[in-house]
Amino acid sequence: MININVFTNNEYIKGFELSGHAGYSEHGNDIVCAAVSVLTINTINSIENFTDDLYECSEDEQLGCISFQILEKASNEANILLNSMILGLESIRDEYGSDYITLVFEEV
Protein backbone atom coordinates (compact mmCIF):
# COMPACT_ATOMS: atom_id res chain seq x y z
CA MET A 1 0.00 0.00 0.00
CA ILE A 2 1.13 3.54 -0.76
CA ASN A 3 0.81 5.83 2.25
CA ILE A 4 0.83 9.57 1.66
CA ASN A 5 0.97 12.09 4.50
CA VAL A 6 0.20 15.65 3.41
CA PHE A 7 1.37 18.43 5.72
CA THR A 8 -0.77 21.56 5.74
CA ASN A 9 -1.48 24.69 7.71
CA ASN A 10 -4.49 26.99 7.43
CA GLU A 11 -3.21 28.67 4.28
CA TYR A 12 -1.22 26.22 2.19
CA ILE A 13 0.37 22.80 1.81
CA LYS A 14 3.82 22.56 3.41
CA GLY A 15 4.83 19.23 1.90
CA PHE A 16 4.24 15.50 1.82
CA GLU A 17 5.80 12.13 2.57
CA LEU A 18 5.06 9.11 0.43
CA SER A 19 6.07 5.54 1.19
CA GLY A 20 5.33 2.04 0.05
CA HIS A 21 4.23 0.23 -3.06
CA ALA A 22 0.63 -0.19 -4.15
CA GLY A 23 0.74 -3.93 -4.75
CA TYR A 24 -1.94 -3.59 -7.40
CA SER A 25 0.07 -5.65 -9.87
CA GLU A 26 3.56 -7.09 -10.40
CA HIS A 27 6.56 -4.78 -10.13
CA GLY A 28 6.99 -3.04 -13.47
CA ASN A 29 3.30 -3.46 -14.35
CA ASP A 30 1.70 -1.67 -11.38
CA ILE A 31 -0.35 1.18 -12.86
CA VAL A 32 -1.24 2.57 -9.43
CA CYS A 33 2.44 2.93 -8.48
CA ALA A 34 3.21 4.40 -11.89
CA ALA A 35 0.40 6.96 -11.66
CA VAL A 36 1.39 8.04 -8.13
CA SER A 37 5.05 8.32 -9.18
CA VAL A 38 4.23 10.42 -12.22
CA LEU A 39 2.04 12.80 -10.23
CA THR A 40 4.48 13.33 -7.38
CA ILE A 41 7.65 13.59 -9.45
CA ASN A 42 6.00 15.91 -11.98
CA THR A 43 4.77 18.14 -9.14
CA ILE A 44 8.26 18.38 -7.64
CA ASN A 45 9.81 19.06 -11.07
CA SER A 46 7.15 21.70 -11.80
CA ILE A 47 7.78 23.49 -8.50
CA GLU A 48 11.51 23.45 -9.24
CA ASN A 49 11.11 24.77 -12.80
CA PHE A 50 8.15 27.14 -12.54
CA THR A 51 8.48 28.70 -9.07
CA ASP A 52 11.13 30.30 -6.89
CA ASP A 53 10.10 28.27 -3.84
CA LEU A 54 12.87 26.78 -1.72
CA TYR A 55 12.33 23.16 -0.75
CA GLU A 56 13.96 20.00 0.53
CA CYS A 57 13.42 16.68 -1.19
CA SER A 58 14.76 13.20 -0.56
CA GLU A 59 13.88 9.87 -2.09
CA ASP A 60 14.67 6.19 -1.89
CA GLU A 61 13.54 4.38 -5.03
CA GLN A 62 14.06 0.90 -3.59
CA LEU A 63 11.84 1.61 -0.58
CA GLY A 64 9.38 3.71 -2.57
CA CYS A 65 9.84 6.79 -0.38
CA ILE A 66 9.70 10.48 -1.26
CA SER A 67 9.81 13.32 1.24
CA PHE A 68 9.14 16.88 0.05
CA GLN A 69 8.88 20.06 2.10
CA ILE A 70 8.54 23.73 1.16
CA LEU A 71 10.98 25.63 3.40
CA GLU A 72 9.14 28.94 3.50
CA LYS A 73 5.56 29.96 2.82
CA ALA A 74 4.52 28.32 -0.43
CA SER A 75 3.89 30.59 -3.38
CA ASN A 76 0.46 30.61 -5.00
CA GLU A 77 1.93 28.67 -7.91
CA ALA A 78 3.43 25.95 -5.71
CA ASN A 79 0.19 25.70 -3.76
CA ILE A 80 -1.80 25.21 -6.97
CA LEU A 81 0.63 22.53 -8.15
CA LEU A 82 0.45 20.69 -4.81
CA ASN A 83 -3.35 20.90 -4.73
CA SER A 84 -3.46 19.57 -8.29
CA MET A 85 -1.26 16.64 -7.22
CA ILE A 86 -3.62 15.90 -4.32
CA LEU A 87 -6.63 16.03 -6.64
CA GLY A 88 -4.95 13.44 -8.86
CA LEU A 89 -3.98 11.23 -5.89
CA GLU A 90 -7.54 11.36 -4.54
CA SER A 91 -8.84 10.38 -7.98
CA ILE A 92 -6.49 7.38 -8.07
CA ARG A 93 -7.59 6.35 -4.57
CA ASP A 94 -11.25 6.72 -5.52
CA GLU A 95 -10.79 4.71 -8.73
CA TYR A 96 -8.63 1.85 -7.38
CA GLY A 97 -9.53 1.86 -3.69
CA SER A 98 -7.98 2.54 -0.33
CA ASP A 99 -6.43 -0.95 -0.33
CA TYR A 100 -3.73 0.49 -2.60
CA ILE A 101 -3.38 4.15 -1.60
CA THR A 102 -4.16 6.16 1.54
CA LEU A 103 -4.03 9.92 2.03
CA VAL A 104 -3.70 11.44 5.49
CA PHE A 105 -3.78 15.21 6.05
CA GLU A 106 -1.82 16.51 9.01
CA GLU A 107 -1.98 20.06 10.33
CA VAL A 108 1.52 21.36 11.16
PDB file of N, CA and C in Angstrom:
ATOM      1  N   MET A   1       0.834  -1.176   0.000  1.00  0.00           N
ATOM      2  CA  MET A   1       0.000   0.000   0.000  1.00  0.00           C
ATOM      3  C   MET A   1       0.884   1.246   0.000  1.00  0.00           C
ATOM      4  N   ILE A   2       0.451   2.248  -0.744  1.00  0.00           N
ATOM      5  CA  ILE A   2       1.134   3.540  -0.757  1.00  0.00           C
ATOM      6  C   ILE A   2       0.478   4.423   0.293  1.00  0.00           C
ATOM      7  N   ASN A   3       1.285   4.927   1.208  1.00  0.00           N
ATOM      8  CA  ASN A   3       0.813   5.832   2.251  1.00  0.00           C
ATOM      9  C   ASN A   3       1.346   7.219   1.956  1.00  0.00           C
ATOM     10  N   ILE A   4       0.446   8.195   1.935  1.00  0.00           N
ATOM     11  CA  ILE A   4       0.835   9.572   1.658  1.00  0.00           C
ATOM     12  C   ILE A   4       0.348  10.441   2.800  1.00  0.00           C
ATOM     13  N   ASN A   5       1.281  11.104   3.476  1.00  0.00           N
ATOM     14  CA  ASN A   5       0.966  12.092   4.499  1.00  0.00           C
ATOM     15  C   ASN A   5       1.181  13.461   3.885  1.00  0.00           C
ATOM     16  N   VAL A   6       0.142  14.296   3.953  1.00  0.00           N
ATOM     17  CA  VAL A   6       0.199  15.651   3.411  1.00  0.00           C
ATOM     18  C   VAL A   6       0.208  16.612   4.589  1.00  0.00           C
ATOM     19  N   PHE A   7       1.217  17.491   4.626  1.00  0.00           N
ATOM     20  CA  PHE A   7       1.373  18.433   5.723  1.00  0.00           C
ATOM     21  C   PHE A   7       0.845  19.795   5.303  1.00  0.00           C
ATOM     22  N   THR A   8      -0.111  20.303   6.077  1.00  0.00           N
ATOM     23  CA  THR A   8      -0.766  21.563   5.743  1.00  0.00           C
ATOM     24  C   THR A   8      -0.770  22.503   6.943  1.00  0.00           C
ATOM     25  N   ASN A   9      -1.074  23.765   6.662  1.00  0.00           N
ATOM     26  CA  ASN A   9      -1.476  24.690   7.710  1.00  0.00           C
ATOM     27  C   ASN A   9      -2.750  25.357   7.211  1.00  0.00           C
ATOM     28  N   ASN A  10      -3.219  26.381   7.830  1.00  0.00           N
ATOM     29  CA  ASN A  10      -4.488  26.994   7.429  1.00  0.00           C
ATOM     30  C   ASN A  10      -4.468  27.569   6.026  1.00  0.00           C
ATOM     31  N   GLU A  11      -3.291  27.944   5.536  1.00  0.00           N
ATOM     32  CA  GLU A  11      -3.208  28.672   4.276  1.00  0.00           C
ATOM     33  C   GLU A  11      -2.722  27.853   3.090  1.00  0.00           C
ATOM     34  N   TYR A  12      -1.852  26.893   3.322  1.00  0.00           N
ATOM     35  CA  TYR A  12      -1.218  26.222   2.185  1.00  0.00           C
ATOM     36  C   TYR A  12      -0.665  24.862   2.589  1.00  0.00           C
ATOM     37  N   ILE A  13      -0.249  24.113   1.600  1.00  0.00           N
ATOM     38  CA  ILE A  13       0.373  22.804   1.807  1.00  0.00           C
ATOM     39  C   ILE A  13       1.866  23.018   2.023  1.00  0.00           C
ATOM     40  N   LYS A  14       2.396  22.435   3.089  1.00  0.00           N
ATOM     41  CA  LYS A  14       3.819  22.562   3.412  1.00  0.00           C
ATOM     42  C   LYS A  14       4.657  21.480   2.735  1.00  0.00           C
ATOM     43  N   GLY A  15       4.069  20.309   2.504  1.00  0.00           N
ATOM     44  CA  GLY A  15       4.830  19.232   1.902  1.00  0.00           C
ATOM     45  C   GLY A  15       4.103  17.910   2.025  1.00  0.00           C
ATOM     46  N   PHE A  16       4.836  16.838   1.743  1.00  0.00           N
ATOM     47  CA  PHE A  16       4.241  15.501   1.821  1.00  0.00           C
ATOM     48  C   PHE A  16       5.336  14.460   1.981  1.00  0.00           C
ATOM     49  N   GLU A  17       4.947  13.315   2.515  1.00  0.00           N
ATOM     50  CA  GLU A  17       5.796  12.133   2.574  1.00  0.00           C
ATOM     51  C   GLU A  17       5.017  10.979   1.973  1.00  0.00           C
ATOM     52  N   LEU A  18       5.665  10.237   1.130  1.00  0.00           N
ATOM     53  CA  LEU A  18       5.060   9.113   0.428  1.00  0.00           C
ATOM     54  C   LEU A  18       5.927   7.893   0.691  1.00  0.00           C
ATOM     55  N   SER A  19       5.295   6.770   1.000  1.00  0.00           N
ATOM     56  CA  SER A  19       6.068   5.542   1.193  1.00  0.00           C
ATOM     57  C   SER A  19       5.248   4.333   0.778  1.00  0.00           C
ATOM     58  N   GLY A  20       5.950   3.310   0.374  1.00  0.00           N
ATOM     59  CA  GLY A  20       5.329   2.035   0.054  1.00  0.00           C
ATOM     60  C   GLY A  20       5.107   1.809  -1.423  1.00  0.00           C
ATOM     61  N   HIS A  21       4.585   0.640  -1.708  1.00  0.00           N
ATOM     62  CA  HIS A  21       4.233   0.228  -3.063  1.00  0.00           C
ATOM     63  C   HIS A  21       2.772  -0.211  -3.051  1.00  0.00           C
ATOM     64  N   ALA A  22       2.061   0.072  -4.111  1.00  0.00           N
ATOM     65  CA  ALA A  22       0.626  -0.194  -4.149  1.00  0.00           C
ATOM     66  C   ALA A  22       0.305  -1.686  -4.040  1.00  0.00           C
ATOM     67  N   GLY A  23       1.055  -2.510  -4.732  1.00  0.00           N
ATOM     68  CA  GLY A  23       0.743  -3.931  -4.751  1.00  0.00           C
ATOM     69  C   GLY A  23      -0.477  -4.257  -5.599  1.00  0.00           C
ATOM     70  N   TYR A  24      -0.808  -3.354  -6.514  1.00  0.00           N
ATOM     71  CA  TYR A  24      -1.941  -3.585  -7.398  1.00  0.00           C
ATOM     72  C   TYR A  24      -1.628  -4.660  -8.428  1.00  0.00           C
ATOM     73  N   SER A  25      -0.369  -4.694  -8.864  1.00  0.00           N
ATOM     74  CA  SER A  25       0.072  -5.649  -9.873  1.00  0.00           C
ATOM     75  C   SER A  25       1.558  -5.927  -9.649  1.00  0.00           C
ATOM     76  N   GLU A  26       2.134  -6.758 -10.493  1.00  0.00           N
ATOM     77  CA  GLU A  26       3.556  -7.088 -10.398  1.00  0.00           C
ATOM     78  C   GLU A  26       4.414  -5.841 -10.579  1.00  0.00           C
ATOM     79  N   HIS A  27       5.598  -5.868  -9.958  1.00  0.00           N
ATOM     80  CA  HIS A  27       6.561  -4.782 -10.125  1.00  0.00           C
ATOM     81  C   HIS A  27       6.832  -4.594 -11.619  1.00  0.00           C
ATOM     82  N   GLY A  28       6.789  -3.348 -12.060  1.00  0.00           N
ATOM     83  CA  GLY A  28       6.986  -3.042 -13.471  1.00  0.00           C
ATOM     84  C   GLY A  28       5.690  -2.967 -14.257  1.00  0.00           C
ATOM     85  N   ASN A  29       4.613  -3.497 -13.689  1.00  0.00           N
ATOM     86  CA  ASN A  29       3.301  -3.458 -14.347  1.00  0.00           C
ATOM     87  C   ASN A  29       2.231  -2.811 -13.469  1.00  0.00           C
ATOM     88  N   ASP A  30       2.644  -2.219 -12.350  1.00  0.00           N
ATOM     89  CA  ASP A  30       1.696  -1.673 -11.380  1.00  0.00           C
ATOM     90  C   ASP A  30       1.294  -0.258 -11.788  1.00  0.00           C
ATOM     91  N   ILE A  31       0.095  -0.132 -12.360  1.00  0.00           N
ATOM     92  CA  ILE A  31      -0.346   1.176 -12.864  1.00  0.00           C
ATOM     93  C   ILE A  31      -0.653   2.155 -11.747  1.00  0.00           C
ATOM     94  N   VAL A  32      -1.005   1.664 -10.560  1.00  0.00           N
ATOM     95  CA  VAL A  32      -1.245   2.566  -9.432  1.00  0.00           C
ATOM     96  C   VAL A  32       0.075   3.194  -8.991  1.00  0.00           C
ATOM     97  N   CYS A  33       1.110   2.393  -8.831  1.00  0.00           N
ATOM     98  CA  CYS A  33       2.439   2.929  -8.480  1.00  0.00           C
ATOM     99  C   CYS A  33       2.931   3.902  -9.545  1.00  0.00           C
ATOM    100  N   ALA A  34       2.751   3.533 -10.793  1.00  0.00           N
ATOM    101  CA  ALA A  34       3.212   4.403 -11.886  1.00  0.00           C
ATOM    102  C   ALA A  34       2.487   5.735 -11.863  1.00  0.00           C
ATOM    103  N   ALA A  35       1.181   5.716 -11.667  1.00  0.00           N
ATOM    104  CA  ALA A  35       0.401   6.957 -11.657  1.00  0.00           C
ATOM    105  C   ALA A  35       0.810   7.848 -10.492  1.00  0.00           C
ATOM    106  N   VAL A  36       0.982   7.264  -9.311  1.00  0.00           N
ATOM    107  CA  VAL A  36       1.391   8.042  -8.135  1.00  0.00           C
ATOM    108  C   VAL A  36       2.784   8.623  -8.359  1.00  0.00           C
ATOM    109  N   SER A  37       3.685   7.836  -8.910  1.00  0.00           N
ATOM    110  CA  SER A  37       5.046   8.323  -9.180  1.00  0.00           C
ATOM    111  C   SER A  37       5.042   9.490 -10.158  1.00  0.00           C
ATOM    112  N   VAL A  38       4.289   9.355 -11.225  1.00  0.00           N
ATOM    113  CA  VAL A  38       4.228  10.423 -12.223  1.00  0.00           C
ATOM    114  C   VAL A  38       3.693  11.710 -11.599  1.00  0.00           C
ATOM    115  N   LEU A  39       2.619  11.604 -10.843  1.00  0.00           N
ATOM    116  CA  LEU A  39       2.037  12.802 -10.230  1.00  0.00           C
ATOM    117  C   LEU A  39       3.001  13.487  -9.269  1.00  0.00           C
ATOM    118  N   THR A  40       3.611  12.712  -8.386  1.00  0.00           N
ATOM    119  CA  THR A  40       4.475  13.327  -7.377  1.00  0.00           C
ATOM    120  C   THR A  40       5.764  13.874  -7.988  1.00  0.00           C
ATOM    121  N   ILE A  41       6.390  13.125  -8.854  1.00  0.00           N
ATOM    122  CA  ILE A  41       7.646  13.589  -9.454  1.00  0.00           C
ATOM    123  C   ILE A  41       7.393  14.789 -10.359  1.00  0.00           C
ATOM    124  N   ASN A  42       6.312  14.769 -11.121  1.00  0.00           N
ATOM    125  CA  ASN A  42       6.001  15.911 -11.978  1.00  0.00           C
ATOM    126  C   ASN A  42       5.708  17.162 -11.143  1.00  0.00           C
ATOM    127  N   THR A  43       5.045  16.999 -10.014  1.00  0.00           N
ATOM    128  CA  THR A  43       4.773  18.140  -9.143  1.00  0.00           C
ATOM    129  C   THR A  43       6.073  18.738  -8.614  1.00  0.00           C
ATOM    130  N   ILE A  44       6.971  17.897  -8.149  1.00  0.00           N
ATOM    131  CA  ILE A  44       8.260  18.383  -7.644  1.00  0.00           C
ATOM    132  C   ILE A  44       9.040  19.070  -8.762  1.00  0.00           C
ATOM    133  N   ASN A  45       9.105  18.456  -9.934  1.00  0.00           N
ATOM    134  CA  ASN A  45       9.807  19.063 -11.074  1.00  0.00           C
ATOM    135  C   ASN A  45       9.172  20.387 -11.482  1.00  0.00           C
ATOM    136  N   SER A  46       7.851  20.465 -11.439  1.00  0.00           N
ATOM    137  CA  SER A  46       7.151  21.701 -11.801  1.00  0.00           C
ATOM    138  C   SER A  46       7.438  22.812 -10.801  1.00  0.00           C
ATOM    139  N   ILE A  47       7.452  22.480  -9.512  1.00  0.00           N
ATOM    140  CA  ILE A  47       7.780  23.493  -8.500  1.00  0.00           C
ATOM    141  C   ILE A  47       9.205  23.979  -8.705  1.00  0.00           C
ATOM    142  N   GLU A  48      10.111  23.067  -9.006  1.00  0.00           N
ATOM    143  CA  GLU A  48      11.510  23.448  -9.244  1.00  0.00           C
ATOM    144  C   GLU A  48      11.642  24.359 -10.470  1.00  0.00           C
ATOM    145  N   ASN A  49      10.938  24.055 -11.536  1.00  0.00           N
ATOM    146  CA  ASN A  49      11.114  24.771 -12.797  1.00  0.00           C
ATOM    147  C   ASN A  49      10.247  26.012 -12.958  1.00  0.00           C
ATOM    148  N   PHE A  50       9.093  26.050 -12.304  1.00  0.00           N
ATOM    149  CA  PHE A  50       8.149  27.138 -12.543  1.00  0.00           C
ATOM    150  C   PHE A  50       7.934  28.072 -11.359  1.00  0.00           C
ATOM    151  N   THR A  51       8.610  27.813 -10.222  1.00  0.00           N
ATOM    152  CA  THR A  51       8.479  28.698  -9.068  1.00  0.00           C
ATOM    153  C   THR A  51       9.872  29.024  -8.520  1.00  0.00           C
ATOM    154  N   ASP A  52       9.888  29.960  -7.596  1.00  0.00           N
ATOM    155  CA  ASP A  52      11.131  30.304  -6.892  1.00  0.00           C
ATOM    156  C   ASP A  52      11.141  29.728  -5.483  1.00  0.00           C
ATOM    157  N   ASP A  53      10.204  28.838  -5.188  1.00  0.00           N
ATOM    158  CA  ASP A  53      10.097  28.272  -3.839  1.00  0.00           C
ATOM    159  C   ASP A  53      11.344  27.457  -3.491  1.00  0.00           C
ATOM    160  N   LEU A  54      11.775  27.596  -2.247  1.00  0.00           N
ATOM    161  CA  LEU A  54      12.869  26.784  -1.719  1.00  0.00           C
ATOM    162  C   LEU A  54      12.268  25.557  -1.062  1.00  0.00           C
ATOM    163  N   TYR A  55      12.879  24.400  -1.290  1.00  0.00           N
ATOM    164  CA  TYR A  55      12.331  23.158  -0.745  1.00  0.00           C
ATOM    165  C   TYR A  55      13.445  22.166  -0.474  1.00  0.00           C
ATOM    166  N   GLU A  56      13.096  21.154   0.315  1.00  0.00           N
ATOM    167  CA  GLU A  56      13.960  20.003   0.534  1.00  0.00           C
ATOM    168  C   GLU A  56      13.237  18.780  -0.016  1.00  0.00           C
ATOM    169  N   CYS A  57      14.003  17.896  -0.628  1.00  0.00           N
ATOM    170  CA  CYS A  57      13.421  16.685  -1.188  1.00  0.00           C
ATOM    171  C   CYS A  57      14.420  15.545  -1.037  1.00  0.00           C
ATOM    172  N   SER A  58      13.931  14.406  -0.600  1.00  0.00           N
ATOM    173  CA  SER A  58      14.762  13.205  -0.558  1.00  0.00           C
ATOM    174  C   SER A  58      13.916  12.035  -1.041  1.00  0.00           C
ATOM    175  N   GLU A  59      14.596  11.030  -1.577  1.00  0.00           N
ATOM    176  CA  GLU A  59      13.876   9.866  -2.092  1.00  0.00           C
ATOM    177  C   GLU A  59      14.737   8.618  -1.965  1.00  0.00           C
ATOM    178  N   ASP A  60      14.051   7.501  -1.888  1.00  0.00           N
ATOM    179  CA  ASP A  60      14.675   6.188  -1.894  1.00  0.00           C
ATOM    180  C   ASP A  60      13.832   5.308  -2.811  1.00  0.00           C
ATOM    181  N   GLU A  61      14.299   5.115  -4.017  1.00  0.00           N
ATOM    182  CA  GLU A  61      13.535   4.385  -5.032  1.00  0.00           C
ATOM    183  C   GLU A  61      13.264   2.946  -4.620  1.00  0.00           C
ATOM    184  N   GLN A  62      14.231   2.303  -3.990  1.00  0.00           N
ATOM    185  CA  GLN A  62      14.064   0.904  -3.590  1.00  0.00           C
ATOM    186  C   GLN A  62      12.941   0.739  -2.566  1.00  0.00           C
ATOM    187  N   LEU A  63      12.869   1.677  -1.612  1.00  0.00           N
ATOM    188  CA  LEU A  63      11.835   1.606  -0.577  1.00  0.00           C
ATOM    189  C   LEU A  63      10.535   2.274  -1.007  1.00  0.00           C
ATOM    190  N   GLY A  64      10.569   3.003  -2.109  1.00  0.00           N
ATOM    191  CA  GLY A  64       9.384   3.707  -2.574  1.00  0.00           C
ATOM    192  C   GLY A  64       9.038   4.884  -1.693  1.00  0.00           C
ATOM    193  N   CYS A  65      10.056   5.659  -1.289  1.00  0.00           N
ATOM    194  CA  CYS A  65       9.845   6.791  -0.381  1.00  0.00           C
ATOM    195  C   CYS A  65      10.232   8.106  -1.045  1.00  0.00           C
ATOM    196  N   ILE A  66       9.391   9.109  -0.854  1.00  0.00           N
ATOM    197  CA  ILE A  66       9.702  10.475  -1.257  1.00  0.00           C
ATOM    198  C   ILE A  66       9.260  11.383  -0.125  1.00  0.00           C
ATOM    199  N   SER A  67      10.141  12.308   0.248  1.00  0.00           N
ATOM    200  CA  SER A  67       9.813  13.318   1.243  1.00  0.00           C
ATOM    201  C   SER A  67      10.061  14.682   0.604  1.00  0.00           C
ATOM    202  N   PHE A  68       9.058  15.559   0.684  1.00  0.00           N
ATOM    203  CA  PHE A  68       9.140  16.878   0.051  1.00  0.00           C
ATOM    204  C   PHE A  68       8.583  17.909   1.013  1.00  0.00           C
ATOM    205  N   GLN A  69       9.338  19.014   1.191  1.00  0.00           N
ATOM    206  CA  GLN A  69       8.878  20.058   2.100  1.00  0.00           C
ATOM    207  C   GLN A  69       9.277  21.429   1.568  1.00  0.00           C
ATOM    208  N   ILE A  70       8.291  22.327   1.489  1.00  0.00           N
ATOM    209  CA  ILE A  70       8.545  23.732   1.157  1.00  0.00           C
ATOM    210  C   ILE A  70       9.154  24.367   2.404  1.00  0.00           C
ATOM    211  N   LEU A  71      10.260  25.099   2.248  1.00  0.00           N
ATOM    212  CA  LEU A  71      10.981  25.630   3.402  1.00  0.00           C
ATOM    213  C   LEU A  71      10.411  26.942   3.938  1.00  0.00           C
ATOM    214  N   GLU A  72       9.768  27.699   3.086  1.00  0.00           N
ATOM    215  CA  GLU A  72       9.140  28.945   3.500  1.00  0.00           C
ATOM    216  C   GLU A  72       7.675  28.868   3.102  1.00  0.00           C
ATOM    217  N   LYS A  73       6.952  29.962   3.247  1.00  0.00           N
ATOM    218  CA  LYS A  73       5.556  29.958   2.822  1.00  0.00           C
ATOM    219  C   LYS A  73       5.498  29.655   1.330  1.00  0.00           C
ATOM    220  N   ALA A  74       4.646  28.712   0.975  1.00  0.00           N
ATOM    221  CA  ALA A  74       4.519  28.317  -0.426  1.00  0.00           C
ATOM    222  C   ALA A  74       3.921  29.446  -1.249  1.00  0.00           C
ATOM    223  N   SER A  75       4.444  29.615  -2.442  1.00  0.00           N
ATOM    224  CA  SER A  75       3.888  30.592  -3.377  1.00  0.00           C
ATOM    225  C   SER A  75       2.519  30.104  -3.847  1.00  0.00           C
ATOM    226  N   ASN A  76       1.754  31.001  -4.437  1.00  0.00           N
ATOM    227  CA  ASN A  76       0.458  30.606  -5.002  1.00  0.00           C
ATOM    228  C   ASN A  76       0.630  29.519  -6.052  1.00  0.00           C
ATOM    229  N   GLU A  77       1.683  29.644  -6.855  1.00  0.00           N
ATOM    230  CA  GLU A  77       1.930  28.669  -7.911  1.00  0.00           C
ATOM    231  C   GLU A  77       2.228  27.282  -7.337  1.00  0.00           C
ATOM    232  N   ALA A  78       3.097  27.233  -6.339  1.00  0.00           N
ATOM    233  CA  ALA A  78       3.426  25.946  -5.715  1.00  0.00           C
ATOM    234  C   ALA A  78       2.200  25.349  -5.054  1.00  0.00           C
ATOM    235  N   ASN A  79       1.388  26.187  -4.418  1.00  0.00           N
ATOM    236  CA  ASN A  79       0.190  25.698  -3.761  1.00  0.00           C
ATOM    237  C   ASN A  79      -0.795  25.104  -4.772  1.00  0.00           C
ATOM    238  N   ILE A  80      -0.932  25.750  -5.914  1.00  0.00           N
ATOM    239  CA  ILE A  80      -1.799  25.215  -6.972  1.00  0.00           C
ATOM    240  C   ILE A  80      -1.265  23.872  -7.464  1.00  0.00           C
ATOM    241  N   LEU A  81       0.039  23.788  -7.680  1.00  0.00           N
ATOM    242  CA  LEU A  81       0.631  22.529  -8.149  1.00  0.00           C
ATOM    243  C   LEU A  81       0.431  21.404  -7.130  1.00  0.00           C
ATOM    244  N   LEU A  82       0.632  21.704  -5.846  1.00  0.00           N
ATOM    245  CA  LEU A  82       0.449  20.689  -4.814  1.00  0.00           C
ATOM    246  C   LEU A  82      -1.018  20.276  -4.684  1.00  0.00           C
ATOM    247  N   ASN A  83      -1.919  21.240  -4.783  1.00  0.00           N
ATOM    248  CA  ASN A  83      -3.348  20.901  -4.733  1.00  0.00           C
ATOM    249  C   ASN A  83      -3.762  20.074  -5.945  1.00  0.00           C
ATOM    250  N   SER A  84      -3.179  20.356  -7.090  1.00  0.00           N
ATOM    251  CA  SER A  84      -3.458  19.569  -8.288  1.00  0.00           C
ATOM    252  C   SER A  84      -2.965  18.135  -8.107  1.00  0.00           C
ATOM    253  N   MET A  85      -1.792  17.973  -7.497  1.00  0.00           N
ATOM    254  CA  MET A  85      -1.265  16.640  -7.219  1.00  0.00           C
ATOM    255  C   MET A  85      -2.225  15.878  -6.306  1.00  0.00           C
ATOM    256  N   ILE A  86      -2.703  16.545  -5.259  1.00  0.00           N
ATOM    257  CA  ILE A  86      -3.615  15.901  -4.319  1.00  0.00           C
ATOM    258  C   ILE A  86      -4.914  15.500  -5.016  1.00  0.00           C
ATOM    259  N   LEU A  87      -5.426  16.363  -5.874  1.00  0.00           N
ATOM    260  CA  LEU A  87      -6.629  16.034  -6.645  1.00  0.00           C
ATOM    261  C   LEU A  87      -6.413  14.750  -7.440  1.00  0.00           C
ATOM    262  N   GLY A  88      -5.265  14.642  -8.099  1.00  0.00           N
ATOM    263  CA  GLY A  88      -4.946  13.436  -8.861  1.00  0.00           C
ATOM    264  C   GLY A  88      -4.806  12.213  -7.974  1.00  0.00           C
ATOM    265  N   LEU A  89      -4.144  12.357  -6.818  1.00  0.00           N
ATOM    266  CA  LEU A  89      -3.984  11.230  -5.894  1.00  0.00           C
ATOM    267  C   LEU A  89      -5.324  10.772  -5.339  1.00  0.00           C
ATOM    268  N   GLU A  90      -6.205  11.722  -5.022  1.00  0.00           N
ATOM    269  CA  GLU A  90      -7.536  11.364  -4.544  1.00  0.00           C
ATOM    270  C   GLU A  90      -8.327  10.632  -5.634  1.00  0.00           C
ATOM    271  N   SER A  91      -8.160  11.053  -6.870  1.00  0.00           N
ATOM    272  CA  SER A  91      -8.838  10.378  -7.980  1.00  0.00           C
ATOM    273  C   SER A  91      -8.354   8.941  -8.139  1.00  0.00           C
ATOM    274  N   ILE A  92      -7.044   8.737  -7.999  1.00  0.00           N
ATOM    275  CA  ILE A  92      -6.486   7.376  -8.071  1.00  0.00           C
ATOM    276  C   ILE A  92      -7.047   6.533  -6.933  1.00  0.00           C
ATOM    277  N   ARG A  93      -7.040   7.082  -5.723  1.00  0.00           N
ATOM    278  CA  ARG A  93      -7.586   6.353  -4.574  1.00  0.00           C
ATOM    279  C   ARG A  93      -9.059   6.007  -4.793  1.00  0.00           C
ATOM    280  N   ASP A  94      -9.825   6.967  -5.294  1.00  0.00           N
ATOM    281  CA  ASP A  94     -11.252   6.723  -5.518  1.00  0.00           C
ATOM    282  C   ASP A  94     -11.487   5.673  -6.607  1.00  0.00           C
ATOM    283  N   GLU A  95     -10.634   5.666  -7.614  1.00  0.00           N
ATOM    284  CA  GLU A  95     -10.791   4.713  -8.727  1.00  0.00           C
ATOM    285  C   GLU A  95     -10.348   3.296  -8.353  1.00  0.00           C
ATOM    286  N   TYR A  96      -9.208   3.174  -7.639  1.00  0.00           N
ATOM    287  CA  TYR A  96      -8.629   1.851  -7.380  1.00  0.00           C
ATOM    288  C   TYR A  96      -8.844   1.358  -5.950  1.00  0.00           C
ATOM    289  N   GLY A  97      -9.199   2.253  -5.046  1.00  0.00           N
ATOM    290  CA  GLY A  97      -9.534   1.855  -3.685  1.00  0.00           C
ATOM    291  C   GLY A  97      -8.442   2.128  -2.667  1.00  0.00           C
ATOM    292  N   SER A  98      -8.895   2.230  -1.429  1.00  0.00           N
ATOM    293  CA  SER A  98      -7.984   2.537  -0.328  1.00  0.00           C
ATOM    294  C   SER A  98      -7.158   1.330   0.104  1.00  0.00           C
ATOM    295  N   ASP A  99      -7.324   0.193  -0.573  1.00  0.00           N
ATOM    296  CA  ASP A  99      -6.430  -0.947  -0.329  1.00  0.00           C
ATOM    297  C   ASP A  99      -5.054  -0.705  -0.946  1.00  0.00           C
ATOM    298  N   TYR A 100      -4.976   0.245  -1.875  1.00  0.00           N
ATOM    299  CA  TYR A 100      -3.732   0.486  -2.603  1.00  0.00           C
ATOM    300  C   TYR A 100      -3.091   1.840  -2.295  1.00  0.00           C
ATOM    301  N   ILE A 101      -3.897   2.803  -1.850  1.00  0.00           N
ATOM    302  CA  ILE A 101      -3.379   4.153  -1.603  1.00  0.00           C
ATOM    303  C   ILE A 101      -4.192   4.801  -0.492  1.00  0.00           C
ATOM    304  N   THR A 102      -3.487   5.401   0.480  1.00  0.00           N
ATOM    305  CA  THR A 102      -4.160   6.160   1.536  1.00  0.00           C
ATOM    306  C   THR A 102      -3.565   7.572   1.568  1.00  0.00           C
ATOM    307  N   LEU A 103      -4.422   8.515   1.870  1.00  0.00           N
ATOM    308  CA  LEU A 103      -4.030   9.918   2.029  1.00  0.00           C
ATOM    309  C   LEU A 103      -4.420  10.359   3.424  1.00  0.00           C
ATOM    310  N   VAL A 104      -3.457  10.925   4.151  1.00  0.00           N
ATOM    311  CA  VAL A 104      -3.699  11.443   5.493  1.00  0.00           C
ATOM    312  C   VAL A 104      -3.243  12.899   5.494  1.00  0.00           C
ATOM    313  N   PHE A 105      -4.112  13.790   5.970  1.00  0.00           N
ATOM    314  CA  PHE A 105      -3.781  15.207   6.046  1.00  0.00           C
ATOM    315  C   PHE A 105      -3.456  15.550   7.497  1.00  0.00           C
ATOM    316  N   GLU A 106      -2.298  16.183   7.681  1.00  0.00           N
ATOM    317  CA  GLU A 106      -1.823  16.505   9.015  1.00  0.00           C
ATOM    318  C   GLU A 106      -1.551  17.999   9.118  1.00  0.00           C
ATOM    319  N   GLU A 107      -2.196  18.638  10.092  1.00  0.00           N
ATOM    320  CA  GLU A 107      -1.976  20.064  10.335  1.00  0.00           C
ATOM    321  C   GLU A 107      -0.640  20.238  11.062  1.00  0.00           C
ATOM    322  N   VAL A 108       0.208  21.095  10.535  1.00  0.00           N
ATOM    323  CA  VAL A 108       1.521  21.356  11.162  1.00  0.00           C
ATOM    324  C   VAL A 108       1.671  22.825  11.514  1.00  0.00           C
TER     325      VAL A 108
END
